[in-house]
Amino acid sequence: MNNYRAVIEYDGTDFSGFQIQKGDVRTVQKEIYKVLKKLLPDTKRFSYAGRTDAGVHAKNQVISFDTGLEPDLYRFKWQFNCMVPGDIVMKSVIGTDGFFDARREAVSRRYCYYVVNNNHCSVFFRRYCVMLTNELDTKAMSEALKVFKGVHDFAAFSNEDEEAFTIREVTDISLNRYDEGLIKFSIEANSFLYNMVRKIIGTLLEIGQDKRDIDSIYTAFEDKDKTKTAKTAPARGLFLESVKY
């Protein structure tokens, strides 16, 4: 079998997440797999780097798959992009040596989250960010996000069940502010719990609105109590930005 690695971009707005689900549910994996099976009928061992939730987008989702065929990759990518829906695109595809697995071999994943802090939101941002009109304290948020860096038990910052292993390492987390009130949060970790990024962002935004203080983060870590963190931030502002191998 021949092994291939591809980078996929998608607008998650109209999908019920990435992973295939039971029933007639539209997912990114389902749409990708339908096209792969038409172009490469013997496709096997399909894998992906990140299981994004409903409404979450990806700039650089990585997938891998095996096939006994040897397609012309330029032609294959062109055909694939002509056949998938308009909210999915294959950015690149390469053959690999050996058996590359997009999920198991990932070292870290980086997500970004967009917020517009202004009294209006550009029409080009609306599907991909959250708008807050009250002035956010970016200095307070910048101080607070430092607390999340390192190895912690993120039980309080996820919607995983109580039996899940919840220790993760955040290797990088930052905030940048741009014109028109656009704020970009970036967070990189070895892996993420269910809703972990959106719970962290929700908490940071409450700190930026002076609805909670930094000490509440330490308390949530210690108590592992989901009720002591903010509500999960909306999905539309979240992107899987990159994956490291």
C-alpha atoms as a PDB file:
ATOM      1  CA  MET A   1       0.000   0.000   0.000  1.00  0.00           C
ATOM      2  CA  ASN A   2       1.072   3.579  -0.686  1.00  0.00           C
ATOM      3  CA  ASN A   3       0.749   6.156   2.087  1.00  0.00           C
ATOM      4  CA  TYR A   4      -0.251   9.795   1.510  1.00  0.00           C
ATOM      5  CA  ARG A   5      -0.415  12.921   3.646  1.00  0.00           C
ATOM      6  CA  ALA A   6      -2.693  15.847   2.788  1.00  0.00           C
ATOM      7  CA  VAL A   7      -3.494  19.253   4.285  1.00  0.00           C
ATOM      8  CA  ILE A   8      -7.170  20.209   4.326  1.00  0.00           C
ATOM      9  CA  GLU A   9      -8.820  23.578   4.948  1.00  0.00           C
ATOM     10  CA  TYR A  10     -12.513  23.927   5.760  1.00  0.00           C
ATOM     11  CA  ASP A  11     -15.189  26.318   6.931  1.00  0.00           C
ATOM     12  CA  GLY A  12     -16.854  24.424   9.763  1.00  0.00           C
ATOM     13  CA  THR A  13     -19.998  26.584   9.921  1.00  0.00           C
ATOM     14  CA  ASP A  14     -22.321  24.092   8.250  1.00  0.00           C
ATOM     15  CA  PHE A  15     -20.731  20.894   9.541  1.00  0.00           C
ATOM     16  CA  SER A  16     -21.598  18.840  12.622  1.00  0.00           C
ATOM     17  CA  GLY A  17     -17.893  18.477  13.383  1.00  0.00           C
ATOM     18  CA  PHE A  18     -15.096  16.636  11.601  1.00  0.00           C
ATOM     19  CA  GLN A  19     -15.629  13.007  12.597  1.00  0.00           C
ATOM     20  CA  ILE A  20     -18.126  10.720  10.850  1.00  0.00           C
ATOM     21  CA  GLN A  21     -21.262  10.201  12.936  1.00  0.00           C
ATOM     22  CA  LYS A  22     -24.211   7.851  12.834  1.00  0.00           C
ATOM     23  CA  GLY A  23     -27.174   8.753  10.674  1.00  0.00           C
ATOM     24  CA  ASP A  24     -27.546  11.392   7.987  1.00  0.00           C
ATOM     25  CA  VAL A  25     -25.209  13.928   9.598  1.00  0.00           C
ATOM     26  CA  ARG A  26     -22.985  16.218   7.521  1.00  0.00           C
ATOM     27  CA  THR A  27     -19.377  16.051   8.708  1.00  0.00           C
ATOM     28  CA  VAL A  28     -16.049  17.010   7.152  1.00  0.00           C
ATOM     29  CA  GLN A  29     -14.685  13.472   7.287  1.00  0.00           C
ATOM     30  CA  LYS A  30     -17.796  12.107   5.605  1.00  0.00           C
ATOM     31  CA  GLU A  31     -17.486  14.536   2.679  1.00  0.00           C
ATOM     32  CA  ILE A  32     -13.744  13.902   2.296  1.00  0.00           C
ATOM     33  CA  TYR A  33     -14.138  10.141   2.482  1.00  0.00           C
ATOM     34  CA  LYS A  34     -16.905  10.093  -0.143  1.00  0.00           C
ATOM     35  CA  VAL A  35     -14.595  11.752  -2.646  1.00  0.00           C
ATOM     36  CA  LEU A  36     -11.561   9.649  -1.701  1.00  0.00           C
ATOM     37  CA  LYS A  37     -13.547   6.439  -2.258  1.00  0.00           C
ATOM     38  CA  LYS A  38     -14.582   7.637  -5.715  1.00  0.00           C
ATOM     39  CA  LEU A  39     -11.066   8.608  -6.761  1.00  0.00           C
ATOM     40  CA  LEU A  40      -9.208   5.865  -4.853  1.00  0.00           C
ATOM     41  CA  PRO A  41     -11.733   3.056  -4.199  1.00  0.00           C
ATOM     42  CA  ASP A  42      -9.363   0.976  -2.068  1.00  0.00           C
ATOM     43  CA  THR A  43      -8.595   3.810   0.411  1.00  0.00           C
ATOM     44  CA  LYS A  44      -7.702   2.415   3.852  1.00  0.00           C
ATOM     45  CA  ARG A  45      -6.329   3.538   7.227  1.00  0.00           C
ATOM     46  CA  PHE A  46      -7.739   7.066   7.054  1.00  0.00           C
ATOM     47  CA  SER A  47      -6.487   9.236   9.928  1.00  0.00           C
ATOM     48  CA  TYR A  48      -6.687  12.905  10.926  1.00  0.00           C
ATOM     49  CA  ALA A  49      -4.819  15.204  13.300  1.00  0.00           C
ATOM     50  CA  GLY A  50      -7.674  16.981  15.090  1.00  0.00           C
ATOM     51  CA  ARG A  51     -11.305  16.100  15.802  1.00  0.00           C
ATOM     52  CA  THR A  52     -12.826  19.563  15.522  1.00  0.00           C
ATOM     53  CA  ASP A  53     -16.337  20.101  16.891  1.00  0.00           C
ATOM     54  CA  ALA A  54     -19.456  21.397  15.163  1.00  0.00           C
ATOM     55  CA  GLY A  55     -18.915  24.900  13.812  1.00  0.00           C
ATOM     56  CA  VAL A  56     -15.132  24.854  14.280  1.00  0.00           C
ATOM     57  CA  HIS A  57     -12.919  25.632  11.285  1.00  0.00           C
ATOM     58  CA  ALA A  58      -9.475  24.470  10.143  1.00  0.00           C
ATOM     59  CA  LYS A  59      -6.739  26.206   8.208  1.00  0.00           C
ATOM     60  CA  ASN A  60      -4.391  23.233   8.181  1.00  0.00           C
ATOM     61  CA  GLN A  61      -6.036  19.969   9.178  1.00  0.00           C
ATOM     62  CA  VAL A  62      -3.745  17.042   8.336  1.00  0.00           C
ATOM     63  CA  ILE A  63      -5.090  13.712   7.072  1.00  0.00           C
ATOM     64  CA  SER A  64      -3.372  10.501   6.013  1.00  0.00           C
ATOM     65  CA  PHE A  65      -4.562   7.468   4.070  1.00  0.00           C
ATOM     66  CA  ASP A  66      -3.354   4.352   2.279  1.00  0.00           C
ATOM     67  CA  THR A  67      -4.151   3.124  -1.222  1.00  0.00           C
ATOM     68  CA  GLY A  68      -2.787   0.480  -3.548  1.00  0.00           C
ATOM     69  CA  LEU A  69      -3.027   2.945  -6.426  1.00  0.00           C
ATOM     70  CA  GLU A  70      -0.384   5.471  -7.455  1.00  0.00           C
ATOM     71  CA  PRO A  71      -2.278   8.602  -8.522  1.00  0.00           C
ATOM     72  CA  ASP A  72      -0.756  11.573 -10.303  1.00  0.00           C
ATOM     73  CA  LEU A  73      -0.909  13.890  -7.282  1.00  0.00           C
ATOM     74  CA  TYR A  74      -1.371  17.127  -9.245  1.00  0.00           C
ATOM     75  CA  ARG A  75      -4.334  15.638 -11.100  1.00  0.00           C
ATOM     76  CA  PHE A  76      -5.647  13.946  -7.948  1.00  0.00           C
ATOM     77  CA  LYS A  77      -5.710  17.207  -5.966  1.00  0.00           C
ATOM     78  CA  TRP A  78      -7.416  19.020  -8.840  1.00  0.00           C
ATOM     79  CA  GLN A  79     -10.091  16.327  -9.142  1.00  0.00           C
ATOM     80  CA  PHE A  80     -10.593  16.186  -5.380  1.00  0.00           C
ATOM     81  CA  ASN A  81     -11.162  19.951  -5.143  1.00  0.00           C
ATOM     82  CA  CYS A  82     -13.626  19.837  -8.034  1.00  0.00           C
ATOM     83  CA  MET A  83     -15.655  17.125  -6.293  1.00  0.00           C
ATOM     84  CA  VAL A  84     -15.783  18.230  -2.640  1.00  0.00           C
ATOM     85  CA  PRO A  85     -18.255  20.899  -1.455  1.00  0.00           C
ATOM     86  CA  GLY A  86     -17.121  24.518  -1.628  1.00  0.00           C
ATOM     87  CA  ASP A  87     -16.447  24.736   2.114  1.00  0.00           C
ATOM     88  CA  ILE A  88     -13.596  22.180   1.883  1.00  0.00           C
ATOM     89  CA  VAL A  89     -10.326  22.410  -0.051  1.00  0.00           C
ATOM     90  CA  MET A  90      -7.230  20.231  -0.255  1.00  0.00           C
ATOM     91  CA  LYS A  91      -4.223  22.554  -0.030  1.00  0.00           C
ATOM     92  CA  SER A  92      -1.494  19.969  -0.599  1.00  0.00           C
ATOM     93  CA  VAL A  93      -0.886  16.230  -0.866  1.00  0.00           C
ATOM     94  CA  ILE A  94       2.371  14.264  -0.822  1.00  0.00           C
ATOM     95  CA  GLY A  95       3.468  10.648  -0.761  1.00  0.00           C
ATOM     96  CA  THR A  96       5.281   9.533   2.391  1.00  0.00           C
ATOM     97  CA  ASP A  97       7.963   7.021   3.225  1.00  0.00           C
ATOM     98  CA  GLY A  98       6.624   4.182   5.325  1.00  0.00           C
ATOM     99  CA  PHE A  99       3.353   4.521   7.240  1.00  0.00           C
ATOM    100  CA  PHE A 100       2.615   8.068   8.359  1.00  0.00           C
ATOM    101  CA  ASP A 101      -0.360   8.425  10.731  1.00  0.00           C
ATOM    102  CA  ALA A 102      -1.750  11.970  10.986  1.00  0.00           C
ATOM    103  CA  ARG A 103      -3.070  11.545  14.535  1.00  0.00           C
ATOM    104  CA  ARG A 104      -0.527   9.316  16.262  1.00  0.00           C
ATOM    105  CA  GLU A 105       2.563  11.088  14.979  1.00  0.00           C
ATOM    106  CA  ALA A 106       1.425  14.631  15.809  1.00  0.00           C
ATOM    107  CA  VAL A 107       3.670  16.283  18.411  1.00  0.00           C
ATOM    108  CA  SER A 108       1.437  19.300  19.041  1.00  0.00           C
ATOM    109  CA  ARG A 109      -1.550  21.171  17.700  1.00  0.00           C
ATOM    110  CA  ARG A 110      -2.129  24.923  17.574  1.00  0.00           C
ATOM    111  CA  TYR A 111      -5.572  26.510  17.707  1.00  0.00           C
ATOM    112  CA  CYS A 112      -6.448  30.168  17.293  1.00  0.00           C
ATOM    113  CA  TYR A 113      -9.566  32.041  18.349  1.00  0.00           C
ATOM    114  CA  TYR A 114     -10.772  35.365  16.932  1.00  0.00           C
ATOM    115  CA  VAL A 115     -12.689  38.091  18.758  1.00  0.00           C
ATOM    116  CA  VAL A 116     -13.730  41.503  17.432  1.00  0.00           C
ATOM    117  CA  ASN A 117     -13.782  44.064  20.243  1.00  0.00           C
ATOM    118  CA  ASN A 118     -15.571  46.932  18.546  1.00  0.00           C
ATOM    119  CA  ASN A 119     -19.015  48.507  18.102  1.00  0.00           C
ATOM    120  CA  HIS A 120     -19.346  46.878  14.679  1.00  0.00           C
ATOM    121  CA  CYS A 121     -18.059  43.766  12.974  1.00  0.00           C
ATOM    122  CA  SER A 122     -16.869  43.542   9.385  1.00  0.00           C
ATOM    123  CA  VAL A 123     -19.106  41.388   7.214  1.00  0.00           C
ATOM    124  CA  PHE A 124     -15.981  39.386   6.356  1.00  0.00           C
ATOM    125  CA  PHE A 125     -15.431  38.441  10.009  1.00  0.00           C
ATOM    126  CA  ARG A 126     -18.947  37.554  11.153  1.00  0.00           C
ATOM    127  CA  ARG A 127     -18.814  33.828  10.437  1.00  0.00           C
ATOM    128  CA  TYR A 128     -15.381  33.479  11.999  1.00  0.00           C
ATOM    129  CA  CYS A 129     -15.278  35.465  15.226  1.00  0.00           C
ATOM    130  CA  VAL A 130     -17.209  36.589  18.295  1.00  0.00           C
ATOM    131  CA  MET A 131     -17.999  40.297  18.722  1.00  0.00           C
ATOM    132  CA  LEU A 132     -17.857  42.024  22.121  1.00  0.00           C
ATOM    133  CA  THR A 133     -18.681  45.730  22.285  1.00  0.00           C
ATOM    134  CA  ASN A 134     -17.483  46.422  25.847  1.00  0.00           C
ATOM    135  CA  GLU A 135     -13.788  47.366  25.944  1.00  0.00           C
ATOM    136  CA  LEU A 136     -11.688  44.344  26.861  1.00  0.00           C
ATOM    137  CA  ASP A 137      -8.716  44.708  29.191  1.00  0.00           C
ATOM    138  CA  THR A 138      -6.022  43.121  27.028  1.00  0.00           C
ATOM    139  CA  LYS A 139      -3.371  43.696  29.699  1.00  0.00           C
ATOM    140  CA  ALA A 140      -5.341  41.645  32.242  1.00  0.00           C
ATOM    141  CA  MET A 141      -5.979  38.892  29.700  1.00  0.00           C
ATOM    142  CA  SER A 142      -2.298  38.812  28.725  1.00  0.00           C
ATOM    143  CA  GLU A 143      -1.341  38.303  32.366  1.00  0.00           C
ATOM    144  CA  ALA A 144      -4.019  35.662  32.882  1.00  0.00           C
ATOM    145  CA  LEU A 145      -3.093  33.556  29.877  1.00  0.00           C
ATOM    146  CA  LYS A 146       0.407  33.009  31.316  1.00  0.00           C
ATOM    147  CA  VAL A 147      -1.195  30.919  34.073  1.00  0.00           C
ATOM    148  CA  PHE A 148      -2.306  28.322  31.520  1.00  0.00           C
ATOM    149  CA  LYS A 149       1.188  27.664  30.195  1.00  0.00           C
ATOM    150  CA  GLY A 150       2.853  24.465  31.338  1.00  0.00           C
ATOM    151  CA  VAL A 151       1.562  21.117  32.607  1.00  0.00           C
ATOM    152  CA  HIS A 152      -1.793  21.300  34.398  1.00  0.00           C
ATOM    153  CA  ASP A 153      -4.864  19.226  35.118  1.00  0.00           C
ATOM    154  CA  PHE A 154      -7.412  20.860  32.805  1.00  0.00           C
ATOM    155  CA  ALA A 155     -10.430  18.950  34.143  1.00  0.00           C
ATOM    156  CA  ALA A 156     -12.236  22.204  34.970  1.00  0.00           C
ATOM    157  CA  PHE A 157     -11.519  23.589  31.510  1.00  0.00           C
ATOM    158  CA  SER A 158     -13.158  20.861  29.466  1.00  0.00           C
ATOM    159  CA  ASN A 159     -16.427  19.044  28.983  1.00  0.00           C
ATOM    160  CA  GLU A 160     -14.848  15.601  29.256  1.00  0.00           C
ATOM    161  CA  ASP A 161     -16.454  13.029  31.535  1.00  0.00           C
ATOM    162  CA  GLU A 162     -15.038  12.501  35.018  1.00  0.00           C
ATOM    163  CA  GLU A 163     -13.131   9.352  34.014  1.00  0.00           C
ATOM    164  CA  ALA A 164     -11.014  11.069  31.336  1.00  0.00           C
ATOM    165  CA  PHE A 165      -7.278  11.665  31.700  1.00  0.00           C
ATOM    166  CA  THR A 166      -7.187  15.460  31.893  1.00  0.00           C
ATOM    167  CA  ILE A 167      -3.518  16.428  32.290  1.00  0.00           C
ATOM    168  CA  ARG A 168      -2.156  18.356  29.301  1.00  0.00           C
ATOM    169  CA  GLU A 169       0.852  20.549  28.532  1.00  0.00           C
ATOM    170  CA  VAL A 170       0.298  23.981  26.996  1.00  0.00           C
ATOM    171  CA  THR A 171       3.577  24.898  25.323  1.00  0.00           C
ATOM    172  CA  ASP A 172       2.585  28.323  24.006  1.00  0.00           C
ATOM    173  CA  ILE A 173      -0.298  30.751  24.493  1.00  0.00           C
ATOM    174  CA  SER A 174      -0.528  34.342  23.297  1.00  0.00           C
ATOM    175  CA  LEU A 175      -2.775  37.270  22.452  1.00  0.00           C
ATOM    176  CA  ASN A 176      -2.368  39.789  19.637  1.00  0.00           C
ATOM    177  CA  ARG A 177      -4.512  42.818  18.841  1.00  0.00           C
ATOM    178  CA  TYR A 178      -4.949  44.192  15.315  1.00  0.00           C
ATOM    179  CA  ASP A 179      -6.831  46.968  13.515  1.00  0.00           C
ATOM    180  CA  GLU A 180     -10.629  47.263  13.784  1.00  0.00           C
ATOM    181  CA  GLY A 181     -10.559  45.687  17.249  1.00  0.00           C
ATOM    182  CA  LEU A 182      -9.562  42.222  16.011  1.00  0.00           C
ATOM    183  CA  ILE A 183      -7.986  40.075  18.737  1.00  0.00           C
ATOM    184  CA  LYS A 184      -6.331  36.742  18.007  1.00  0.00           C
ATOM    185  CA  PHE A 185      -5.719  34.215  20.774  1.00  0.00           C
ATOM    186  CA  SER A 186      -3.298  31.370  19.960  1.00  0.00           C
ATOM    187  CA  ILE A 187      -2.740  28.253  22.036  1.00  0.00           C
ATOM    188  CA  GLU A 188      -0.514  25.240  21.377  1.00  0.00           C
ATOM    189  CA  ALA A 189      -0.482  21.990  23.346  1.00  0.00           C
ATOM    190  CA  ASN A 190       0.521  18.355  22.995  1.00  0.00           C
ATOM    191  CA  SER A 191      -3.198  17.574  22.723  1.00  0.00           C
ATOM    192  CA  PHE A 192      -6.506  19.077  23.796  1.00  0.00           C
ATOM    193  CA  LEU A 193      -9.502  17.950  25.807  1.00  0.00           C
ATOM    194  CA  TYR A 194     -13.060  18.307  24.528  1.00  0.00           C
ATOM    195  CA  ASN A 195     -13.914  22.055  24.476  1.00  0.00           C
ATOM    196  CA  MET A 196     -10.667  22.900  26.305  1.00  0.00           C
ATOM    197  CA  VAL A 197      -9.701  25.846  24.077  1.00  0.00           C
ATOM    198  CA  ARG A 198     -13.177  27.338  24.117  1.00  0.00           C
ATOM    199  CA  LYS A 199     -13.410  27.059  27.924  1.00  0.00           C
ATOM    200  CA  ILE A 200     -10.027  28.757  28.297  1.00  0.00           C
ATOM    201  CA  ILE A 201     -11.048  31.545  25.907  1.00  0.00           C
ATOM    202  CA  GLY A 202     -14.368  32.023  27.692  1.00  0.00           C
ATOM    203  CA  THR A 203     -12.512  32.406  30.989  1.00  0.00           C
ATOM    204  CA  LEU A 204     -10.008  34.881  29.520  1.00  0.00           C
ATOM    205  CA  LEU A 205     -12.817  36.971  28.043  1.00  0.00           C
ATOM    206  CA  GLU A 206     -14.540  37.162  31.442  1.00  0.00           C
ATOM    207  CA  ILE A 207     -11.259  38.370  32.942  1.00  0.00           C
ATOM    208  CA  GLY A 208     -11.032  40.949  30.166  1.00  0.00           C
ATOM    209  CA  GLN A 209     -14.537  42.144  31.087  1.00  0.00           C
ATOM    210  CA  ASP A 210     -13.662  42.258  34.826  1.00  0.00           C
ATOM    211  CA  LYS A 211     -16.186  39.500  35.575  1.00  0.00           C
ATOM    212  CA  ARG A 212     -13.567  37.309  37.295  1.00  0.00           C
ATOM    213  CA  ASP A 213      -9.952  37.560  38.457  1.00  0.00           C
ATOM    214  CA  ILE A 214      -6.791  35.597  37.734  1.00  0.00           C
ATOM    215  CA  ASP A 215      -7.001  33.750  41.052  1.00  0.00           C
ATOM    216  CA  SER A 216     -10.128  31.988  39.774  1.00  0.00           C
ATOM    217  CA  ILE A 217      -7.921  30.076  37.306  1.00  0.00           C
ATOM    218  CA  TYR A 218      -5.743  28.692  40.109  1.00  0.00           C
ATOM    219  CA  THR A 219      -8.878  27.744  42.058  1.00  0.00           C
ATOM    220  CA  ALA A 220     -10.353  25.930  39.057  1.00  0.00           C
ATOM    221  CA  PHE A 221      -7.116  23.997  38.530  1.00  0.00           C
ATOM    222  CA  GLU A 222      -6.992  22.983  42.182  1.00  0.00           C
ATOM    223  CA  ASP A 223     -10.671  22.100  42.615  1.00  0.00           C
ATOM    224  CA  LYS A 224     -11.148  20.547  39.143  1.00  0.00           C
ATOM    225  CA  ASP A 225     -14.592  22.118  39.221  1.00  0.00           C
ATOM    226  CA  LYS A 226     -16.197  22.931  35.857  1.00  0.00           C
ATOM    227  CA  THR A 227     -18.662  25.306  37.531  1.00  0.00           C
ATOM    228  CA  LYS A 228     -15.782  27.605  38.488  1.00  0.00           C
ATOM    229  CA  THR A 229     -14.837  28.382  34.905  1.00  0.00           C
ATOM    230  CA  ALA A 230     -16.629  30.427  32.263  1.00  0.00           C
ATOM    231  CA  LYS A 231     -19.143  29.183  29.726  1.00  0.00           C
ATOM    232  CA  THR A 232     -17.754  27.574  26.587  1.00  0.00           C
ATOM    233  CA  ALA A 233     -16.993  30.273  24.000  1.00  0.00           C
ATOM    234  CA  PRO A 234     -18.919  29.973  20.694  1.00  0.00           C
ATOM    235  CA  ALA A 235     -17.470  27.591  18.102  1.00  0.00           C
ATOM    236  CA  ARG A 236     -17.384  30.019  15.184  1.00  0.00           C
ATOM    237  CA  GLY A 237     -14.279  31.860  16.419  1.00  0.00           C
ATOM    238  CA  LEU A 238     -12.119  28.735  16.661  1.00  0.00           C
ATOM    239  CA  PHE A 239      -9.673  27.418  14.043  1.00  0.00           C
ATOM    240  CA  LEU A 240      -7.276  24.487  13.975  1.00  0.00           C
ATOM    241  CA  GLU A 241      -4.325  26.529  12.767  1.00  0.00           C
ATOM    242  CA  SER A 242      -1.455  24.058  12.462  1.00  0.00           C
ATOM    243  CA  VAL A 243      -0.102  20.648  13.465  1.00  0.00           C
ATOM    244  CA  LYS A 244       3.538  19.836  14.255  1.00  0.00           C
ATOM    245  CA  TYR A 245       5.212  16.491  13.542  1.00  0.00           C
END
